[in-house]
């Protein structure tokens, strides 16, 4: 994924390489190294209570955070493979419609440590937080640790 790619190109990349994003109806609303916003509709993500399935909330947050780290790494360090190492998600209330995941930039000290470790050891990790929103209200809080592995 190219750091300078537009939202349409990033959305196509996600749909081509992570088919679940297509099945969920994921749309890229914003994509920059300091903020990524992904959105998905209720219909393909609905559960038996007619709210958003918890797994869909988790997946959208994981994708938003992954995309943010991928954009930050593109062109910044040698090509890397990016994987999630761990995550936690706190559900605050049901999402009853279209929902979005907003990924926030990492702490600058954490990011610099990640970059330096990638350059020196070929492996670096960084913590990313996301808010999941529905109708402007926060419905979940996500925190994930992503590991970059230099090829």
C-alpha atoms as a PDB file:
ATOM      1  CA  UNK A   1       0.000   0.000   0.000  1.00  0.00           C
ATOM      2  CA  UNK A   2       1.398   3.378  -1.040  1.00  0.00           C
ATOM      3  CA  UNK A   3       1.510   6.246   1.456  1.00  0.00           C
ATOM      4  CA  UNK A   4       0.261   8.637  -1.252  1.00  0.00           C
ATOM      5  CA  UNK A   5      -2.592   6.415  -2.423  1.00  0.00           C
ATOM      6  CA  UNK A   6      -6.072   7.904  -2.409  1.00  0.00           C
ATOM      7  CA  UNK A   7      -8.999   6.539  -0.447  1.00  0.00           C
ATOM      8  CA  UNK A   8     -10.358   4.663  -3.496  1.00  0.00           C
ATOM      9  CA  UNK A   9      -7.020   2.924  -4.082  1.00  0.00           C
ATOM     10  CA  UNK A  10      -6.692   1.992  -0.409  1.00  0.00           C
ATOM     11  CA  UNK A  11     -10.254   0.675  -0.329  1.00  0.00           C
ATOM     12  CA  UNK A  12      -9.549  -1.447  -3.420  1.00  0.00           C
ATOM     13  CA  UNK A  13      -6.343  -2.750  -1.819  1.00  0.00           C
ATOM     14  CA  UNK A  14      -8.272  -3.797   1.314  1.00  0.00           C
ATOM     15  CA  UNK A  15     -11.020  -5.462  -0.746  1.00  0.00           C
ATOM     16  CA  UNK A  16      -8.496  -7.311  -2.930  1.00  0.00           C
ATOM     17  CA  UNK A  17      -6.187  -8.472  -0.132  1.00  0.00           C
ATOM     18  CA  UNK A  18      -8.589  -8.837   2.802  1.00  0.00           C
ATOM     19  CA  UNK A  19     -11.825 -10.203   1.297  1.00  0.00           C
ATOM     20  CA  UNK A  20     -13.683  -9.877   4.581  1.00  0.00           C
ATOM     21  CA  UNK A  21     -13.482  -6.091   4.167  1.00  0.00           C
ATOM     22  CA  UNK A  22     -15.459  -6.397   0.920  1.00  0.00           C
ATOM     23  CA  UNK A  23     -18.022  -8.756   2.471  1.00  0.00           C
ATOM     24  CA  UNK A  24     -18.517  -6.267   5.318  1.00  0.00           C
ATOM     25  CA  UNK A  25     -19.082  -3.382   2.883  1.00  0.00           C
ATOM     26  CA  UNK A  26     -16.083  -1.486   4.244  1.00  0.00           C
ATOM     27  CA  UNK A  27     -15.532   2.001   2.847  1.00  0.00           C
ATOM     28  CA  UNK A  28     -12.437   4.149   3.347  1.00  0.00           C
ATOM     29  CA  UNK A  29     -13.542   7.651   4.342  1.00  0.00           C
ATOM     30  CA  UNK A  30     -10.135   9.049   5.343  1.00  0.00           C
ATOM     31  CA  UNK A  31      -6.657   7.608   4.985  1.00  0.00           C
ATOM     32  CA  UNK A  32      -3.573   9.482   6.098  1.00  0.00           C
ATOM     33  CA  UNK A  33      -0.563   8.628   8.280  1.00  0.00           C
ATOM     34  CA  UNK A  34      -2.148  10.534  11.177  1.00  0.00           C
ATOM     35  CA  UNK A  35      -5.780   9.371  10.890  1.00  0.00           C
ATOM     36  CA  UNK A  36      -7.712   6.580   9.198  1.00  0.00           C
ATOM     37  CA  UNK A  37     -11.495   6.326   9.169  1.00  0.00           C
ATOM     38  CA  UNK A  38     -13.238   3.217   7.856  1.00  0.00           C
ATOM     39  CA  UNK A  39     -17.009   2.774   7.729  1.00  0.00           C
ATOM     40  CA  UNK A  40     -19.353  -0.184   7.245  1.00  0.00           C
ATOM     41  CA  UNK A  41     -23.144  -0.489   6.973  1.00  0.00           C
ATOM     42  CA  UNK A  42     -25.346  -2.406   9.382  1.00  0.00           C
ATOM     43  CA  UNK A  43     -26.901  -4.821   6.866  1.00  0.00           C
ATOM     44  CA  UNK A  44     -23.989  -7.194   6.104  1.00  0.00           C
ATOM     45  CA  UNK A  45     -22.836  -6.935   9.737  1.00  0.00           C
ATOM     46  CA  UNK A  46     -26.137  -7.465  11.537  1.00  0.00           C
ATOM     47  CA  UNK A  47     -26.618  -9.912  14.405  1.00  0.00           C
ATOM     48  CA  UNK A  48     -29.685 -11.645  15.852  1.00  0.00           C
ATOM     49  CA  UNK A  49     -30.546  -8.498  17.887  1.00  0.00           C
ATOM     50  CA  UNK A  50     -30.565  -6.289  14.770  1.00  0.00           C
ATOM     51  CA  UNK A  51     -27.428  -4.483  15.930  1.00  0.00           C
ATOM     52  CA  UNK A  52     -23.862  -4.718  14.612  1.00  0.00           C
ATOM     53  CA  UNK A  53     -22.194  -8.071  15.268  1.00  0.00           C
ATOM     54  CA  UNK A  54     -19.313  -7.675  17.748  1.00  0.00           C
ATOM     55  CA  UNK A  55     -16.915  -9.466  15.420  1.00  0.00           C
ATOM     56  CA  UNK A  56     -17.604  -6.873  12.728  1.00  0.00           C
ATOM     57  CA  UNK A  57     -16.843  -4.051  15.158  1.00  0.00           C
ATOM     58  CA  UNK A  58     -13.586  -5.758  16.071  1.00  0.00           C
ATOM     59  CA  UNK A  59     -12.656  -6.409  12.442  1.00  0.00           C
ATOM     60  CA  UNK A  60     -13.284  -2.817  11.345  1.00  0.00           C
ATOM     61  CA  UNK A  61     -11.111  -1.495  14.195  1.00  0.00           C
ATOM     62  CA  UNK A  62      -8.324  -3.974  13.404  1.00  0.00           C
ATOM     63  CA  UNK A  63      -8.443  -2.926   9.729  1.00  0.00           C
ATOM     64  CA  UNK A  64      -8.415   0.803  10.504  1.00  0.00           C
ATOM     65  CA  UNK A  65      -5.421   0.506  12.830  1.00  0.00           C
ATOM     66  CA  UNK A  66      -3.590  -1.798  10.401  1.00  0.00           C
ATOM     67  CA  UNK A  67      -4.177   0.677   7.564  1.00  0.00           C
ATOM     68  CA  UNK A  68      -2.844   3.568   9.645  1.00  0.00           C
ATOM     69  CA  UNK A  69       0.374   1.717  10.506  1.00  0.00           C
ATOM     70  CA  UNK A  70       0.760   0.520   6.912  1.00  0.00           C
ATOM     71  CA  UNK A  71       0.490   4.099   5.636  1.00  0.00           C
ATOM     72  CA  UNK A  72       2.999   5.355   8.216  1.00  0.00           C
ATOM     73  CA  UNK A  73       5.501   2.656   7.240  1.00  0.00           C
ATOM     74  CA  UNK A  74       5.122   3.098   3.469  1.00  0.00           C
ATOM     75  CA  UNK A  75       8.137   4.925   2.121  1.00  0.00           C
ATOM     76  CA  UNK A  76       9.415   5.526   5.655  1.00  0.00           C
ATOM     77  CA  UNK A  77      11.371   2.314   6.208  1.00  0.00           C
ATOM     78  CA  UNK A  78      12.393  -0.703   4.142  1.00  0.00           C
ATOM     79  CA  UNK A  79       9.422  -2.788   2.926  1.00  0.00           C
ATOM     80  CA  UNK A  80       7.772  -4.559   5.809  1.00  0.00           C
ATOM     81  CA  UNK A  81       5.176  -7.180   6.497  1.00  0.00           C
ATOM     82  CA  UNK A  82       2.658  -5.964   9.074  1.00  0.00           C
ATOM     83  CA  UNK A  83       0.741  -8.252  11.442  1.00  0.00           C
ATOM     84  CA  UNK A  84      -1.341  -7.789  14.552  1.00  0.00           C
ATOM     85  CA  UNK A  85       0.184  -9.286  17.694  1.00  0.00           C
ATOM     86  CA  UNK A  86      -2.556  -8.620  20.240  1.00  0.00           C
ATOM     87  CA  UNK A  87      -5.637  -6.498  20.797  1.00  0.00           C
ATOM     88  CA  UNK A  88      -8.353  -5.641  23.243  1.00  0.00           C
ATOM     89  CA  UNK A  89     -11.783  -4.209  22.601  1.00  0.00           C
ATOM     90  CA  UNK A  90     -14.184  -2.730  25.085  1.00  0.00           C
ATOM     91  CA  UNK A  91     -17.808  -2.619  23.939  1.00  0.00           C
ATOM     92  CA  UNK A  92     -19.618   0.390  25.392  1.00  0.00           C
ATOM     93  CA  UNK A  93     -23.067   0.130  23.803  1.00  0.00           C
ATOM     94  CA  UNK A  94     -24.795  -1.554  20.847  1.00  0.00           C
ATOM     95  CA  UNK A  95     -24.277  -0.089  17.370  1.00  0.00           C
ATOM     96  CA  UNK A  96     -27.635   0.117  15.625  1.00  0.00           C
ATOM     97  CA  UNK A  97     -26.618   1.417  12.193  1.00  0.00           C
ATOM     98  CA  UNK A  98     -23.680   2.359  10.010  1.00  0.00           C
ATOM     99  CA  UNK A  99     -20.540   2.324  12.146  1.00  0.00           C
ATOM    100  CA  UNK A 100     -17.012   3.654  11.734  1.00  0.00           C
ATOM    101  CA  UNK A 101     -13.570   2.998  13.182  1.00  0.00           C
ATOM    102  CA  UNK A 102     -11.252   5.965  13.698  1.00  0.00           C
ATOM    103  CA  UNK A 103      -7.591   5.032  14.103  1.00  0.00           C
ATOM    104  CA  UNK A 104      -5.404   7.541  15.938  1.00  0.00           C
ATOM    105  CA  UNK A 105      -1.653   8.033  15.490  1.00  0.00           C
ATOM    106  CA  UNK A 106       0.616   6.299  17.971  1.00  0.00           C
ATOM    107  CA  UNK A 107       2.517   8.051  20.700  1.00  0.00           C
ATOM    108  CA  UNK A 108       5.531   9.708  19.030  1.00  0.00           C
ATOM    109  CA  UNK A 109       8.033   8.011  21.368  1.00  0.00           C
ATOM    110  CA  UNK A 110       6.458   4.599  20.696  1.00  0.00           C
ATOM    111  CA  UNK A 111       6.534   5.253  16.941  1.00  0.00           C
ATOM    112  CA  UNK A 112      10.198   6.295  16.924  1.00  0.00           C
ATOM    113  CA  UNK A 113      11.128   3.208  18.948  1.00  0.00           C
ATOM    114  CA  UNK A 114       9.234   1.045  16.428  1.00  0.00           C
ATOM    115  CA  UNK A 115      11.022   2.650  13.456  1.00  0.00           C
ATOM    116  CA  UNK A 116      14.448   2.333  15.065  1.00  0.00           C
ATOM    117  CA  UNK A 117      13.883  -1.330  15.940  1.00  0.00           C
ATOM    118  CA  UNK A 118      12.739  -2.028  12.367  1.00  0.00           C
ATOM    119  CA  UNK A 119      15.882  -0.402  10.995  1.00  0.00           C
ATOM    120  CA  UNK A 120      18.282  -2.093  13.429  1.00  0.00           C
ATOM    121  CA  UNK A 121      16.705  -5.477  14.136  1.00  0.00           C
ATOM    122  CA  UNK A 122      14.221  -5.909  11.290  1.00  0.00           C
ATOM    123  CA  UNK A 123      11.289  -6.055  13.722  1.00  0.00           C
ATOM    124  CA  UNK A 124       9.377  -3.299  15.495  1.00  0.00           C
ATOM    125  CA  UNK A 125       6.081  -3.012  17.304  1.00  0.00           C
ATOM    126  CA  UNK A 126       3.663  -0.175  17.942  1.00  0.00           C
ATOM    127  CA  UNK A 127       0.417   0.293  19.862  1.00  0.00           C
ATOM    128  CA  UNK A 128      -2.567   1.861  18.061  1.00  0.00           C
ATOM    129  CA  UNK A 129      -5.910   2.987  19.487  1.00  0.00           C
ATOM    130  CA  UNK A 130      -9.241   3.319  17.682  1.00  0.00           C
ATOM    131  CA  UNK A 131     -12.644   4.622  18.578  1.00  0.00           C
ATOM    132  CA  UNK A 132     -15.625   2.862  17.030  1.00  0.00           C
ATOM    133  CA  UNK A 133     -18.560   5.215  16.478  1.00  0.00           C
ATOM    134  CA  UNK A 134     -22.208   4.900  15.520  1.00  0.00           C
ATOM    135  CA  UNK A 135     -24.378   7.985  15.013  1.00  0.00           C
ATOM    136  CA  UNK A 136     -21.576  10.121  16.448  1.00  0.00           C
ATOM    137  CA  UNK A 137     -21.407   8.160  19.707  1.00  0.00           C
ATOM    138  CA  UNK A 138     -18.530   5.974  20.793  1.00  0.00           C
ATOM    139  CA  UNK A 139     -19.696   2.349  20.936  1.00  0.00           C
ATOM    140  CA  UNK A 140     -16.310   0.641  21.427  1.00  0.00           C
ATOM    141  CA  UNK A 141     -12.670   1.319  22.321  1.00  0.00           C
ATOM    142  CA  UNK A 142      -9.929  -0.672  20.605  1.00  0.00           C
ATOM    143  CA  UNK A 143      -6.239  -1.035  21.355  1.00  0.00           C
ATOM    144  CA  UNK A 144      -3.946  -3.188  19.255  1.00  0.00           C
ATOM    145  CA  UNK A 145      -0.259  -3.967  19.012  1.00  0.00           C
ATOM    146  CA  UNK A 146       1.081  -4.309  15.466  1.00  0.00           C
ATOM    147  CA  UNK A 147       4.440  -5.790  14.526  1.00  0.00           C
ATOM    148  CA  UNK A 148       6.361  -4.778  11.435  1.00  0.00           C
ATOM    149  CA  UNK A 149       8.760  -7.371  10.027  1.00  0.00           C
ATOM    150  CA  UNK A 150      11.319  -6.229   7.479  1.00  0.00           C
ATOM    151  CA  UNK A 151      11.539  -8.472   4.403  1.00  0.00           C
END
